[in-house]
Amino acid sequence: MANTTFSGPVRSEGGFKTINKSTSTGAVTETGFSVNATGQLVSMGTRKIQSFAGTLASTNAAATAYADGDCLVELGTLNVDAPDDLVTPSKIFVHRALIGITTAAGQTLAGNLALSSTSGTATNAAVSGTEIVGAGVTAFHEQLSATQSITEIDVNFNNSAGNYHIFVPNITAAVANVHLYARATTTVNADITAGRFTVELEYSVY
């Protein structure tokens, strides 16, 4: 198809993808640039920006206490596609995370974000994985290219609506750890179902 010029916006119900067609086999792949149908994932080569809706509506802390490391909610799955001409990724590099609080949990509740190789961990069950946001993370300094002497803080899920946390961890996780979880780090045994938040994650694969 020849180049086409549009005078108005290009609209698509199914998202937008560029393709690469192999000159030898004719195989078509879609790993260069894409925007998914909801706009929650923008993939530019190895760099990704992905957004997740966080809700604590299905938590059951009023009946059963949550402990440190317990799953609050599984947020979604990271995209780890890479362009054809690059090596198959083995690592996820987390650049930046923004957690915006839209509704406070209603109870004191600190937590973190973790990447796990396991999907489907139920709320209030222990979830293992690599912590990428929280007090267990020692961030990597962008200018020194070395570990900093400071650690992050946990996420306050009971923060006032409109408040936010910004984290720049610059750390890696195994590429198999694509499942993003919000976890509790404090014990809570009260109703937290009101909690709502948005996570915007910037990461690369290599």
C-alpha atoms as a PDB file:
ATOM      1  CA  MET A   1       0.000   0.000   0.000  1.00  0.00           C
ATOM      2  CA  ALA A   2       1.300   3.444  -0.897  1.00  0.00           C
ATOM      3  CA  ASN A   3       1.816   6.237   1.622  1.00  0.00           C
ATOM      4  CA  THR A   4      -1.465   7.840   2.632  1.00  0.00           C
ATOM      5  CA  THR A   5      -2.014  11.339   4.007  1.00  0.00           C
ATOM      6  CA  PHE A   6      -4.984  12.031   6.274  1.00  0.00           C
ATOM      7  CA  SER A   7      -6.409  15.442   7.052  1.00  0.00           C
ATOM      8  CA  GLY A   8      -8.122  14.227  10.228  1.00  0.00           C
ATOM      9  CA  PRO A   9      -7.284  11.824  13.067  1.00  0.00           C
ATOM     10  CA  VAL A  10      -6.626   8.155  12.329  1.00  0.00           C
ATOM     11  CA  ARG A  11      -9.036   6.100  14.414  1.00  0.00           C
ATOM     12  CA  SER A  12      -8.981   2.379  15.167  1.00  0.00           C
ATOM     13  CA  GLU A  13     -11.064   0.234  17.511  1.00  0.00           C
ATOM     14  CA  GLY A  14      -8.342  -2.391  17.802  1.00  0.00           C
ATOM     15  CA  GLY A  15      -5.312  -0.255  18.627  1.00  0.00           C
ATOM     16  CA  PHE A  16      -2.366   0.566  16.380  1.00  0.00           C
ATOM     17  CA  LYS A  17       0.592  -1.611  15.367  1.00  0.00           C
ATOM     18  CA  THR A  18       3.473  -1.317  12.946  1.00  0.00           C
ATOM     19  CA  ILE A  19       4.613  -4.544  11.321  1.00  0.00           C
ATOM     20  CA  ASN A  20       7.851  -6.066  10.093  1.00  0.00           C
ATOM     21  CA  LYS A  21       7.738  -8.430   7.128  1.00  0.00           C
ATOM     22  CA  SER A  22      10.624 -10.844   6.645  1.00  0.00           C
ATOM     23  CA  THR A  23      12.151 -10.535   3.177  1.00  0.00           C
ATOM     24  CA  SER A  24      13.115 -14.211   3.200  1.00  0.00           C
ATOM     25  CA  THR A  25      10.047 -15.922   4.679  1.00  0.00           C
ATOM     26  CA  GLY A  26       7.319 -13.313   4.379  1.00  0.00           C
ATOM     27  CA  ALA A  27       6.482 -13.773   8.058  1.00  0.00           C
ATOM     28  CA  VAL A  28       4.853 -10.739   9.670  1.00  0.00           C
ATOM     29  CA  THR A  29       5.593  -9.682  13.245  1.00  0.00           C
ATOM     30  CA  GLU A  30       4.226  -6.791  15.285  1.00  0.00           C
ATOM     31  CA  THR A  31       6.987  -6.017  17.764  1.00  0.00           C
ATOM     32  CA  GLY A  32       8.208  -2.559  16.759  1.00  0.00           C
ATOM     33  CA  PHE A  33       5.668   0.063  17.826  1.00  0.00           C
ATOM     34  CA  SER A  34       2.146  -0.440  19.115  1.00  0.00           C
ATOM     35  CA  VAL A  35      -0.648   1.143  21.107  1.00  0.00           C
ATOM     36  CA  ASN A  36      -3.260  -1.242  22.459  1.00  0.00           C
ATOM     37  CA  ALA A  37      -6.981  -0.751  21.986  1.00  0.00           C
ATOM     38  CA  THR A  38      -7.530   0.923  25.371  1.00  0.00           C
ATOM     39  CA  GLY A  39      -4.405   3.094  25.238  1.00  0.00           C
ATOM     40  CA  GLN A  40      -3.107   1.495  28.443  1.00  0.00           C
ATOM     41  CA  LEU A  41       0.023   0.129  26.753  1.00  0.00           C
ATOM     42  CA  VAL A  42       2.397   2.016  24.497  1.00  0.00           C
ATOM     43  CA  SER A  43       5.272  -0.111  23.246  1.00  0.00           C
ATOM     44  CA  MET A  44       8.201   1.561  21.461  1.00  0.00           C
ATOM     45  CA  GLY A  45      10.829  -1.024  20.675  1.00  0.00           C
ATOM     46  CA  THR A  46      12.175  -2.180  24.018  1.00  0.00           C
ATOM     47  CA  ARG A  47      10.623   0.730  25.963  1.00  0.00           C
ATOM     48  CA  LYS A  48       7.122   0.377  27.418  1.00  0.00           C
ATOM     49  CA  ILE A  49       4.659   2.612  29.230  1.00  0.00           C
ATOM     50  CA  GLN A  50       1.791   0.677  30.762  1.00  0.00           C
ATOM     51  CA  SER A  51      -1.072   1.741  33.037  1.00  0.00           C
ATOM     52  CA  PHE A  52      -3.045  -0.396  35.483  1.00  0.00           C
ATOM     53  CA  ALA A  53      -6.268   0.223  37.405  1.00  0.00           C
ATOM     54  CA  GLY A  54      -5.945  -0.708  41.071  1.00  0.00           C
ATOM     55  CA  THR A  55      -8.987  -1.581  43.161  1.00  0.00           C
ATOM     56  CA  LEU A  56      -9.198  -3.158  46.611  1.00  0.00           C
ATOM     57  CA  ALA A  57     -12.893  -3.986  46.170  1.00  0.00           C
ATOM     58  CA  SER A  58     -12.252  -7.744  46.359  1.00  0.00           C
ATOM     59  CA  THR A  59     -10.110  -7.679  49.492  1.00  0.00           C
ATOM     60  CA  ASN A  60     -11.400  -9.408  52.644  1.00  0.00           C
ATOM     61  CA  ALA A  61      -9.317  -7.818  55.395  1.00  0.00           C
ATOM     62  CA  ALA A  62     -12.403  -7.215  57.555  1.00  0.00           C
ATOM     63  CA  ALA A  63     -12.751 -10.969  58.010  1.00  0.00           C
ATOM     64  CA  THR A  64      -9.152 -12.179  57.747  1.00  0.00           C
ATOM     65  CA  ALA A  65      -6.034 -10.160  58.546  1.00  0.00           C
ATOM     66  CA  TYR A  66      -3.478  -9.425  55.857  1.00  0.00           C
ATOM     67  CA  ALA A  67       0.194  -9.840  56.716  1.00  0.00           C
ATOM     68  CA  ASP A  68       3.437  -8.569  55.221  1.00  0.00           C
ATOM     69  CA  GLY A  69       3.802  -9.935  51.682  1.00  0.00           C
ATOM     70  CA  ASP A  70       0.153 -10.849  51.168  1.00  0.00           C
ATOM     71  CA  CYS A  71      -1.499 -10.090  47.833  1.00  0.00           C
ATOM     72  CA  LEU A  72      -3.855  -7.141  47.810  1.00  0.00           C
ATOM     73  CA  VAL A  73      -4.668  -7.368  44.114  1.00  0.00           C
ATOM     74  CA  GLU A  74      -3.134  -8.669  40.891  1.00  0.00           C
ATOM     75  CA  LEU A  75      -2.922  -5.621  38.641  1.00  0.00           C
ATOM     76  CA  GLY A  76      -2.108  -7.155  35.267  1.00  0.00           C
ATOM     77  CA  THR A  77       0.588  -8.494  32.967  1.00  0.00           C
ATOM     78  CA  LEU A  78       3.570  -6.648  31.533  1.00  0.00           C
ATOM     79  CA  ASN A  79       4.302  -6.751  27.815  1.00  0.00           C
ATOM     80  CA  VAL A  80       7.799  -8.103  27.149  1.00  0.00           C
ATOM     81  CA  ASP A  81       7.841  -8.196  23.327  1.00  0.00           C
ATOM     82  CA  ALA A  82      11.025  -6.939  21.681  1.00  0.00           C
ATOM     83  CA  PRO A  83      11.810  -5.966  18.072  1.00  0.00           C
ATOM     84  CA  ASP A  84      12.873  -8.785  15.784  1.00  0.00           C
ATOM     85  CA  ASP A  85      16.471  -7.619  15.312  1.00  0.00           C
ATOM     86  CA  LEU A  86      17.261  -7.661  19.043  1.00  0.00           C
ATOM     87  CA  VAL A  87      18.132 -10.590  21.268  1.00  0.00           C
ATOM     88  CA  THR A  88      15.335 -12.341  23.121  1.00  0.00           C
ATOM     89  CA  PRO A  89      14.898 -10.386  26.377  1.00  0.00           C
ATOM     90  CA  SER A  90      15.956 -11.951  29.668  1.00  0.00           C
ATOM     91  CA  LYS A  91      15.384  -8.941  31.935  1.00  0.00           C
ATOM     92  CA  ILE A  92      12.791  -6.296  32.725  1.00  0.00           C
ATOM     93  CA  PHE A  93      14.318  -2.945  33.702  1.00  0.00           C
ATOM     94  CA  VAL A  94      11.975  -0.743  35.753  1.00  0.00           C
ATOM     95  CA  HIS A  95      12.626   2.959  35.138  1.00  0.00           C
ATOM     96  CA  ARG A  96       9.787   4.706  36.927  1.00  0.00           C
ATOM     97  CA  ALA A  97       6.503   4.078  38.687  1.00  0.00           C
ATOM     98  CA  LEU A  98       3.728   6.527  39.487  1.00  0.00           C
ATOM     99  CA  ILE A  99       1.035   5.447  41.930  1.00  0.00           C
ATOM    100  CA  GLY A 100      -1.853   7.900  42.041  1.00  0.00           C
ATOM    101  CA  ILE A 101      -4.378   7.520  44.855  1.00  0.00           C
ATOM    102  CA  THR A 102      -7.961   8.130  43.762  1.00  0.00           C
ATOM    103  CA  THR A 103      -9.739   6.819  46.886  1.00  0.00           C
ATOM    104  CA  ALA A 104      -8.139   6.125  50.269  1.00  0.00           C
ATOM    105  CA  ALA A 105      -8.359   2.575  51.590  1.00  0.00           C
ATOM    106  CA  GLY A 106     -10.062   3.795  54.771  1.00  0.00           C
ATOM    107  CA  GLN A 107      -7.567   2.059  57.084  1.00  0.00           C
ATOM    108  CA  THR A 108      -3.837   2.334  57.681  1.00  0.00           C
ATOM    109  CA  LEU A 109      -2.366   0.322  54.819  1.00  0.00           C
ATOM    110  CA  ALA A 110       1.189   0.370  53.524  1.00  0.00           C
ATOM    111  CA  GLY A 111       2.264  -1.796  50.632  1.00  0.00           C
ATOM    112  CA  ASN A 112       4.525  -2.324  47.666  1.00  0.00           C
ATOM    113  CA  LEU A 113       4.499  -3.449  44.041  1.00  0.00           C
ATOM    114  CA  ALA A 114       6.076  -6.740  43.006  1.00  0.00           C
ATOM    115  CA  LEU A 115       6.604  -8.703  39.797  1.00  0.00           C
ATOM    116  CA  SER A 116       5.986 -12.448  39.938  1.00  0.00           C
ATOM    117  CA  SER A 117       6.225 -15.358  37.519  1.00  0.00           C
ATOM    118  CA  THR A 118       2.948 -16.688  38.918  1.00  0.00           C
ATOM    119  CA  SER A 119      -0.469 -15.385  37.922  1.00  0.00           C
ATOM    120  CA  GLY A 120      -3.685 -15.945  39.823  1.00  0.00           C
ATOM    121  CA  THR A 121      -2.496 -15.547  43.412  1.00  0.00           C
ATOM    122  CA  ALA A 122      -5.624 -14.857  45.443  1.00  0.00           C
ATOM    123  CA  THR A 123      -6.053 -11.788  47.573  1.00  0.00           C
ATOM    124  CA  ASN A 124      -4.876 -12.365  51.168  1.00  0.00           C
ATOM    125  CA  ALA A 125      -2.481 -15.123  50.053  1.00  0.00           C
ATOM    126  CA  ALA A 126       1.287 -14.747  50.137  1.00  0.00           C
ATOM    127  CA  VAL A 127       2.756 -13.753  46.791  1.00  0.00           C
ATOM    128  CA  SER A 128       6.445 -14.173  46.026  1.00  0.00           C
ATOM    129  CA  GLY A 129       8.360 -12.160  43.479  1.00  0.00           C
ATOM    130  CA  THR A 130      10.706  -9.246  42.921  1.00  0.00           C
ATOM    131  CA  GLU A 131       9.771  -6.079  44.787  1.00  0.00           C
ATOM    132  CA  ILE A 132      10.055  -3.132  42.387  1.00  0.00           C
ATOM    133  CA  VAL A 133       8.436  -0.365  44.463  1.00  0.00           C
ATOM    134  CA  GLY A 134       8.621  -0.138  48.243  1.00  0.00           C
ATOM    135  CA  ALA A 135      10.891  -0.034  51.275  1.00  0.00           C
ATOM    136  CA  GLY A 136      12.610  -3.249  50.238  1.00  0.00           C
ATOM    137  CA  VAL A 137      14.050  -1.619  47.103  1.00  0.00           C
ATOM    138  CA  THR A 138      17.495  -0.019  46.979  1.00  0.00           C
ATOM    139  CA  ALA A 139      17.391   2.281  43.990  1.00  0.00           C
ATOM    140  CA  PHE A 140      20.142   2.535  41.379  1.00  0.00           C
ATOM    141  CA  HIS A 141      21.611   5.986  40.710  1.00  0.00           C
ATOM    142  CA  GLU A 142      21.283   7.055  37.060  1.00  0.00           C
ATOM    143  CA  GLN A 143      24.368   9.296  37.010  1.00  0.00           C
ATOM    144  CA  LEU A 144      26.704   7.187  39.130  1.00  0.00           C
ATOM    145  CA  SER A 145      25.525   3.886  37.624  1.00  0.00           C
ATOM    146  CA  ALA A 146      25.769   2.422  41.095  1.00  0.00           C
ATOM    147  CA  THR A 147      23.487   1.462  43.969  1.00  0.00           C
ATOM    148  CA  GLN A 148      22.402   4.416  46.077  1.00  0.00           C
ATOM    149  CA  SER A 149      22.754   4.500  49.852  1.00  0.00           C
ATOM    150  CA  ILE A 150      19.050   5.177  50.286  1.00  0.00           C
ATOM    151  CA  THR A 151      15.996   2.983  50.058  1.00  0.00           C
ATOM    152  CA  GLU A 152      12.501   3.776  48.887  1.00  0.00           C
ATOM    153  CA  ILE A 153       9.399   3.955  51.069  1.00  0.00           C
ATOM    154  CA  ASP A 154       6.295   1.825  51.029  1.00  0.00           C
ATOM    155  CA  VAL A 155       3.160   2.975  49.229  1.00  0.00           C
ATOM    156  CA  ASN A 156       0.517   4.559  51.445  1.00  0.00           C
ATOM    157  CA  PHE A 157      -2.722   3.126  50.063  1.00  0.00           C
ATOM    158  CA  ASN A 158      -4.652   5.177  52.632  1.00  0.00           C
ATOM    159  CA  ASN A 159      -3.323   8.451  51.294  1.00  0.00           C
ATOM    160  CA  SER A 160      -5.697  11.313  50.512  1.00  0.00           C
ATOM    161  CA  ALA A 161      -7.360  11.224  47.111  1.00  0.00           C
ATOM    162  CA  GLY A 162      -5.205  13.056  44.581  1.00  0.00           C
ATOM    163  CA  ASN A 163      -1.926  12.328  46.359  1.00  0.00           C
ATOM    164  CA  TYR A 164       0.717  10.223  44.670  1.00  0.00           C
ATOM    165  CA  HIS A 165       4.019   8.399  44.993  1.00  0.00           C
ATOM    166  CA  ILE A 166       6.824   8.574  42.424  1.00  0.00           C
ATOM    167  CA  PHE A 167       9.525   5.931  42.396  1.00  0.00           C
ATOM    168  CA  VAL A 168      12.626   5.700  40.188  1.00  0.00           C
ATOM    169  CA  PRO A 169      14.052   2.318  41.191  1.00  0.00           C
ATOM    170  CA  ASN A 170      16.187   1.547  38.112  1.00  0.00           C
ATOM    171  CA  ILE A 171      16.259  -2.148  39.005  1.00  0.00           C
ATOM    172  CA  THR A 172      15.736  -5.390  37.110  1.00  0.00           C
ATOM    173  CA  ALA A 173      13.566  -8.470  37.348  1.00  0.00           C
ATOM    174  CA  ALA A 174      13.660 -11.713  35.388  1.00  0.00           C
ATOM    175  CA  VAL A 175      11.639 -11.479  32.179  1.00  0.00           C
ATOM    176  CA  ALA A 176       9.456 -14.353  33.406  1.00  0.00           C
ATOM    177  CA  ASN A 177       8.176 -12.106  36.207  1.00  0.00           C
ATOM    178  CA  VAL A 178       5.517 -10.385  34.126  1.00  0.00           C
ATOM    179  CA  HIS A 179       2.626 -10.453  36.615  1.00  0.00           C
ATOM    180  CA  LEU A 180       2.266  -7.211  38.582  1.00  0.00           C
ATOM    181  CA  TYR A 181       0.891  -7.339  42.128  1.00  0.00           C
ATOM    182  CA  ALA A 182       0.119  -4.836  44.852  1.00  0.00           C
ATOM    183  CA  ARG A 183       1.087  -6.371  48.207  1.00  0.00           C
ATOM    184  CA  ALA A 184       0.495  -5.399  51.814  1.00  0.00           C
ATOM    185  CA  THR A 185       3.484  -4.694  54.045  1.00  0.00           C
ATOM    186  CA  THR A 186       1.566  -3.925  57.233  1.00  0.00           C
ATOM    187  CA  THR A 187      -0.945  -6.083  59.064  1.00  0.00           C
ATOM    188  CA  VAL A 188      -4.507  -4.937  58.472  1.00  0.00           C
ATOM    189  CA  ASN A 189      -7.674  -6.515  59.838  1.00  0.00           C
ATOM    190  CA  ALA A 190     -10.376  -4.030  58.811  1.00  0.00           C
ATOM    191  CA  ASP A 191     -12.369  -3.049  55.738  1.00  0.00           C
ATOM    192  CA  ILE A 192     -10.104  -1.661  52.987  1.00  0.00           C
ATOM    193  CA  THR A 193     -12.428  -2.277  50.040  1.00  0.00           C
ATOM    194  CA  ALA A 194     -12.798   1.455  49.323  1.00  0.00           C
ATOM    195  CA  GLY A 195      -9.207   1.756  48.100  1.00  0.00           C
ATOM    196  CA  ARG A 196      -8.655   2.785  44.476  1.00  0.00           C
ATOM    197  CA  PHE A 197      -5.442   3.794  42.695  1.00  0.00           C
ATOM    198  CA  THR A 198      -3.758   3.975  39.299  1.00  0.00           C
ATOM    199  CA  VAL A 199      -0.304   2.630  38.495  1.00  0.00           C
ATOM    200  CA  GLU A 200       1.724   3.952  35.565  1.00  0.00           C
ATOM    201  CA  LEU A 201       4.846   1.900  34.948  1.00  0.00           C
ATOM    202  CA  GLU A 202       7.743   2.777  32.635  1.00  0.00           C
ATOM    203  CA  TYR A 203      10.038  -0.132  31.872  1.00  0.00           C
ATOM    204  CA  SER A 204      12.290  -1.673  29.240  1.00  0.00           C
ATOM    205  CA  VAL A 205      13.145  -5.228  28.232  1.00  0.00           C
ATOM    206  CA  TYR A 206      16.584  -6.426  27.217  1.00  0.00           C
END
